[in-house]
Amino acid sequence: MREHWDNATVVLQALGMQIGPLDKDGLDVYFTIDRGHYAKTNVKNFDIPKQFRSAMQNAKASDDMDMYATPMAQALRKVLWDYLNKDMPKKQTLIVLTTGVWDGMKDDAEVEVAAAIKEMMRRLQSFYLDRWFGIEFVSFGDNMAGLSRLQGFDDNMKRFGVP
């Protein structure tokens, strides 16, 4: 993702400015490489471009980007856990900026991420929160394996038991 970081920064800022007014308590940005250093939470209004750009620059400058794998399933589970543990969950969309290449995961990345999404759906349904939580993958680059993985999530989650 490093080679797409500057483009991802612009996209993140643009998306943030578009959806920022819809979220009264502010937007959050997290990183799969994050060990608590780069995340920004409750960012509002005109702070969005500056804070998101700062978060992206800090993450890019860190050694973490080269040292760690991309634990996408773990990151999705953490977002869901945080979401379900709020006093009053609200409608939320998770936007994932990615190449779709998630190396270093213990199992097949596609299977592991699909299992995390399936678990998310199961938990949301147990809370009667159908359609309250959405995931959007925004792809960067032309890595065929990554693009194929993301296309599979878009077109055929039924093969993983997700309606």
C-alpha atoms as a PDB file:
ATOM      1  CA  MET A   1       0.000   0.000   0.000  1.00  0.00           C
ATOM      2  CA  ARG A   2       3.005   2.250   0.502  1.00  0.00           C
ATOM      3  CA  GLU A   3       3.247   3.044  -3.214  1.00  0.00           C
ATOM      4  CA  HIS A   4      -0.387   4.250  -3.177  1.00  0.00           C
ATOM      5  CA  TRP A   5      -0.148   6.166   0.098  1.00  0.00           C
ATOM      6  CA  ASP A   6      -0.263   9.668  -1.388  1.00  0.00           C
ATOM      7  CA  ASN A   7      -3.329   8.816  -3.480  1.00  0.00           C
ATOM      8  CA  ALA A   8      -4.957   7.105  -0.509  1.00  0.00           C
ATOM      9  CA  THR A   9      -4.342  10.235   1.568  1.00  0.00           C
ATOM     10  CA  VAL A  10      -6.167  12.409  -0.980  1.00  0.00           C
ATOM     11  CA  VAL A  11      -9.039   9.912  -1.213  1.00  0.00           C
ATOM     12  CA  LEU A  12      -9.316   9.686   2.575  1.00  0.00           C
ATOM     13  CA  GLN A  13      -9.439  13.462   2.905  1.00  0.00           C
ATOM     14  CA  ALA A  14     -12.048  13.795   0.143  1.00  0.00           C
ATOM     15  CA  LEU A  15     -14.245  11.039   1.574  1.00  0.00           C
ATOM     16  CA  GLY A  16     -13.886  12.536   5.031  1.00  0.00           C
ATOM     17  CA  MET A  17     -15.060  15.938   3.881  1.00  0.00           C
ATOM     18  CA  GLN A  18     -18.013  14.390   2.029  1.00  0.00           C
ATOM     19  CA  ILE A  19     -19.261  12.197   4.881  1.00  0.00           C
ATOM     20  CA  GLY A  20     -18.033  14.273   7.824  1.00  0.00           C
ATOM     21  CA  PRO A  21     -21.219  16.362   8.085  1.00  0.00           C
ATOM     22  CA  LEU A  22     -23.276  13.155   8.410  1.00  0.00           C
ATOM     23  CA  ASP A  23     -21.565  12.063  11.632  1.00  0.00           C
ATOM     24  CA  LYS A  24     -22.310  14.368  14.539  1.00  0.00           C
ATOM     25  CA  ASP A  25     -19.701  12.869  16.886  1.00  0.00           C
ATOM     26  CA  GLY A  26     -16.947  12.867  14.276  1.00  0.00           C
ATOM     27  CA  LEU A  27     -15.103  10.432  12.044  1.00  0.00           C
ATOM     28  CA  ASP A  28     -12.442   7.926  13.018  1.00  0.00           C
ATOM     29  CA  VAL A  29      -9.446   6.666  11.066  1.00  0.00           C
ATOM     30  CA  TYR A  30      -7.566   3.482  11.974  1.00  0.00           C
ATOM     31  CA  PHE A  31      -4.703   1.551  10.404  1.00  0.00           C
ATOM     32  CA  THR A  32      -4.104  -2.194  10.267  1.00  0.00           C
ATOM     33  CA  ILE A  33      -0.494  -1.480  11.229  1.00  0.00           C
ATOM     34  CA  ASP A  34      -1.598   0.729  14.113  1.00  0.00           C
ATOM     35  CA  ARG A  35      -0.370  -0.038  17.572  1.00  0.00           C
ATOM     36  CA  GLY A  36      -2.362   2.917  18.915  1.00  0.00           C
ATOM     37  CA  HIS A  37      -0.067   5.603  17.536  1.00  0.00           C
ATOM     38  CA  TYR A  38      -1.700   6.773  14.322  1.00  0.00           C
ATOM     39  CA  ALA A  39      -5.442   6.511  14.880  1.00  0.00           C
ATOM     40  CA  LYS A  40      -7.571   9.625  15.032  1.00  0.00           C
ATOM     41  CA  THR A  41     -11.046   9.575  16.562  1.00  0.00           C
ATOM     42  CA  ASN A  42     -13.980  11.961  16.711  1.00  0.00           C
ATOM     43  CA  VAL A  43     -12.524  14.240  14.025  1.00  0.00           C
ATOM     44  CA  LYS A  44     -15.056  16.847  12.937  1.00  0.00           C
ATOM     45  CA  ASN A  45     -15.707  19.490  10.334  1.00  0.00           C
ATOM     46  CA  PHE A  46     -12.721  21.463   9.082  1.00  0.00           C
ATOM     47  CA  ASP A  47     -10.277  19.415  11.180  1.00  0.00           C
ATOM     48  CA  ILE A  48     -10.898  16.359   8.980  1.00  0.00           C
ATOM     49  CA  PRO A  49      -8.436  17.090   6.132  1.00  0.00           C
ATOM     50  CA  LYS A  50      -5.644  18.216   8.449  1.00  0.00           C
ATOM     51  CA  GLN A  51      -6.073  15.422  11.012  1.00  0.00           C
ATOM     52  CA  PHE A  52      -6.471  12.675   8.399  1.00  0.00           C
ATOM     53  CA  ARG A  53      -3.461  13.919   6.431  1.00  0.00           C
ATOM     54  CA  SER A  54      -1.422  14.009   9.649  1.00  0.00           C
ATOM     55  CA  ALA A  55      -2.455  10.455  10.541  1.00  0.00           C
ATOM     56  CA  MET A  56      -1.525   9.208   7.063  1.00  0.00           C
ATOM     57  CA  GLN A  57       1.841  10.997   7.105  1.00  0.00           C
ATOM     58  CA  ASN A  58       2.699   9.632  10.548  1.00  0.00           C
ATOM     59  CA  ALA A  59       1.786   6.088   9.557  1.00  0.00           C
ATOM     60  CA  LYS A  60       3.741   6.332   6.289  1.00  0.00           C
ATOM     61  CA  ALA A  61       6.828   7.665   8.070  1.00  0.00           C
ATOM     62  CA  SER A  62       6.810   4.834  10.600  1.00  0.00           C
ATOM     63  CA  ASP A  63       8.772   1.638  10.316  1.00  0.00           C
ATOM     64  CA  ASP A  64       5.574  -0.248  11.168  1.00  0.00           C
ATOM     65  CA  MET A  65       4.437  -0.210   7.564  1.00  0.00           C
ATOM     66  CA  ASP A  66       7.383  -2.368   6.523  1.00  0.00           C
ATOM     67  CA  MET A  67       7.613  -4.505   9.648  1.00  0.00           C
ATOM     68  CA  TYR A  68       4.076  -5.812  10.010  1.00  0.00           C
ATOM     69  CA  ALA A  69       1.722  -7.870   7.910  1.00  0.00           C
ATOM     70  CA  THR A  70      -1.766  -6.644   7.136  1.00  0.00           C
ATOM     71  CA  PRO A  71      -4.051  -8.313   9.699  1.00  0.00           C
ATOM     72  CA  MET A  72      -7.256  -7.308   7.918  1.00  0.00           C
ATOM     73  CA  ALA A  73      -9.510  -9.861   9.659  1.00  0.00           C
ATOM     74  CA  GLN A  74      -8.184  -8.818  13.060  1.00  0.00           C
ATOM     75  CA  ALA A  75      -8.769  -5.144  12.227  1.00  0.00           C
ATOM     76  CA  LEU A  76     -12.348  -5.846  11.104  1.00  0.00           C
ATOM     77  CA  ARG A  77     -13.046  -7.770  14.302  1.00  0.00           C
ATOM     78  CA  LYS A  78     -11.703  -4.908  16.418  1.00  0.00           C
ATOM     79  CA  VAL A  79     -13.900  -2.352  14.646  1.00  0.00           C
ATOM     80  CA  LEU A  80     -16.957  -4.559  15.172  1.00  0.00           C
ATOM     81  CA  TRP A  81     -16.081  -5.156  18.825  1.00  0.00           C
ATOM     82  CA  ASP A  82     -15.772  -1.413  19.401  1.00  0.00           C
ATOM     83  CA  TYR A  83     -19.042  -0.841  17.558  1.00  0.00           C
ATOM     84  CA  LEU A  84     -21.037  -3.428  19.508  1.00  0.00           C
ATOM     85  CA  ASN A  85     -19.679  -2.239  22.845  1.00  0.00           C
ATOM     86  CA  LYS A  86     -21.067   1.271  22.464  1.00  0.00           C
ATOM     87  CA  ASP A  87     -24.009   2.168  24.671  1.00  0.00           C
ATOM     88  CA  MET A  88     -26.177   2.913  21.680  1.00  0.00           C
ATOM     89  CA  PRO A  89     -24.802   1.672  18.347  1.00  0.00           C
ATOM     90  CA  LYS A  90     -25.670   3.904  15.425  1.00  0.00           C
ATOM     91  CA  LYS A  91     -25.620   3.302  11.707  1.00  0.00           C
ATOM     92  CA  GLN A  92     -22.037   3.061  10.555  1.00  0.00           C
ATOM     93  CA  THR A  93     -20.074   2.445   7.382  1.00  0.00           C
ATOM     94  CA  LEU A  94     -16.514   1.196   7.490  1.00  0.00           C
ATOM     95  CA  ILE A  95     -14.516   2.335   4.463  1.00  0.00           C
ATOM     96  CA  VAL A  96     -11.382   0.270   3.895  1.00  0.00           C
ATOM     97  CA  LEU A  97      -8.680   1.757   1.665  1.00  0.00           C
ATOM     98  CA  THR A  98      -6.666  -1.193   0.384  1.00  0.00           C
ATOM     99  CA  THR A  99      -4.809  -2.910  -2.409  1.00  0.00           C
ATOM    100  CA  GLY A 100      -6.561  -6.137  -1.422  1.00  0.00           C
ATOM    101  CA  VAL A 101      -3.143  -7.696  -0.768  1.00  0.00           C
ATOM    102  CA  TRP A 102      -3.078  -8.831   2.843  1.00  0.00           C
ATOM    103  CA  ASP A 103       0.130 -10.773   3.319  1.00  0.00           C
ATOM    104  CA  GLY A 104       1.250 -12.524   6.454  1.00  0.00           C
ATOM    105  CA  MET A 105      -2.147 -13.653   7.730  1.00  0.00           C
ATOM    106  CA  LYS A 106      -2.223 -17.079   9.360  1.00  0.00           C
ATOM    107  CA  ASP A 107      -4.805 -18.528   6.987  1.00  0.00           C
ATOM    108  CA  ASP A 108      -5.847 -17.711   3.465  1.00  0.00           C
ATOM    109  CA  ALA A 109      -6.542 -13.972   3.681  1.00  0.00           C
ATOM    110  CA  GLU A 110      -9.753 -14.167   1.686  1.00  0.00           C
ATOM    111  CA  VAL A 111     -11.166 -16.954   3.843  1.00  0.00           C
ATOM    112  CA  GLU A 112     -10.093 -15.263   7.075  1.00  0.00           C
ATOM    113  CA  VAL A 113     -11.581 -11.874   6.147  1.00  0.00           C
ATOM    114  CA  ALA A 114     -14.790 -13.511   4.884  1.00  0.00           C
ATOM    115  CA  ALA A 115     -15.055 -15.359   8.221  1.00  0.00           C
ATOM    116  CA  ALA A 116     -14.674 -12.036  10.060  1.00  0.00           C
ATOM    117  CA  ILE A 117     -17.427 -10.474   7.918  1.00  0.00           C
ATOM    118  CA  LYS A 118     -19.667 -13.495   8.506  1.00  0.00           C
ATOM    119  CA  GLU A 119     -19.086 -13.204  12.257  1.00  0.00           C
ATOM    120  CA  MET A 120     -19.905  -9.496  12.082  1.00  0.00           C
ATOM    121  CA  MET A 121     -23.205 -10.236  10.384  1.00  0.00           C
ATOM    122  CA  ARG A 122     -24.085 -12.948  12.900  1.00  0.00           C
ATOM    123  CA  ARG A 123     -23.430 -10.627  15.839  1.00  0.00           C
ATOM    124  CA  LEU A 124     -25.291  -7.729  14.277  1.00  0.00           C
ATOM    125  CA  GLN A 125     -28.312  -9.933  13.614  1.00  0.00           C
ATOM    126  CA  SER A 126     -28.287 -11.065  17.241  1.00  0.00           C
ATOM    127  CA  PHE A 127     -28.600  -7.389  18.178  1.00  0.00           C
ATOM    128  CA  TYR A 128     -31.340  -6.901  15.566  1.00  0.00           C
ATOM    129  CA  LEU A 129     -29.137  -4.406  13.789  1.00  0.00           C
ATOM    130  CA  ASP A 130     -29.678  -5.606  10.252  1.00  0.00           C
ATOM    131  CA  ARG A 131     -28.203  -3.132   7.738  1.00  0.00           C
ATOM    132  CA  TRP A 132     -26.834  -0.855  10.448  1.00  0.00           C
ATOM    133  CA  PHE A 133     -23.244  -1.635   9.631  1.00  0.00           C
ATOM    134  CA  GLY A 134     -21.737  -1.583   6.159  1.00  0.00           C
ATOM    135  CA  ILE A 135     -18.287  -2.236   4.756  1.00  0.00           C
ATOM    136  CA  GLU A 136     -16.943  -0.616   1.606  1.00  0.00           C
ATOM    137  CA  PHE A 137     -13.590  -1.597   0.110  1.00  0.00           C
ATOM    138  CA  VAL A 138     -11.891   1.105  -1.976  1.00  0.00           C
ATOM    139  CA  SER A 139      -9.131  -0.438  -4.059  1.00  0.00           C
ATOM    140  CA  PHE A 140      -5.788   0.983  -5.117  1.00  0.00           C
ATOM    141  CA  GLY A 141      -3.345  -0.356  -7.666  1.00  0.00           C
ATOM    142  CA  ASP A 142      -3.559  -3.130 -10.194  1.00  0.00           C
ATOM    143  CA  ASN A 143      -2.472  -6.205  -8.257  1.00  0.00           C
ATOM    144  CA  MET A 144      -4.588  -8.896  -9.903  1.00  0.00           C
ATOM    145  CA  ALA A 145      -4.762 -11.129  -6.814  1.00  0.00           C
ATOM    146  CA  GLY A 146      -5.887  -8.223  -4.644  1.00  0.00           C
ATOM    147  CA  LEU A 147      -8.428  -6.985  -7.174  1.00  0.00           C
ATOM    148  CA  SER A 148      -9.776 -10.501  -7.648  1.00  0.00           C
ATOM    149  CA  ARG A 149     -10.151 -10.904  -3.875  1.00  0.00           C
ATOM    150  CA  LEU A 150     -12.084  -7.638  -3.596  1.00  0.00           C
ATOM    151  CA  GLN A 151     -14.234  -8.535  -6.605  1.00  0.00           C
ATOM    152  CA  GLY A 152     -15.047 -11.843  -4.906  1.00  0.00           C
ATOM    153  CA  PHE A 153     -16.193 -10.002  -1.792  1.00  0.00           C
ATOM    154  CA  ASP A 154     -18.366  -7.785  -3.937  1.00  0.00           C
ATOM    155  CA  ASP A 155     -19.885 -10.504  -6.110  1.00  0.00           C
ATOM    156  CA  ASN A 156     -19.917 -13.795  -4.266  1.00  0.00           C
ATOM    157  CA  MET A 157     -19.967 -13.806  -0.481  1.00  0.00           C
ATOM    158  CA  LYS A 158     -22.480 -16.682  -0.615  1.00  0.00           C
ATOM    159  CA  ARG A 159     -19.601 -19.125  -1.084  1.00  0.00           C
ATOM    160  CA  PHE A 160     -18.511 -18.194   2.451  1.00  0.00           C
ATOM    161  CA  GLY A 161     -22.008 -18.555   3.872  1.00  0.00           C
ATOM    162  CA  VAL A 162     -22.759 -14.834   3.829  1.00  0.00           C
ATOM    163  CA  PRO A 163     -26.056 -13.902   2.168  1.00  0.00           C
END
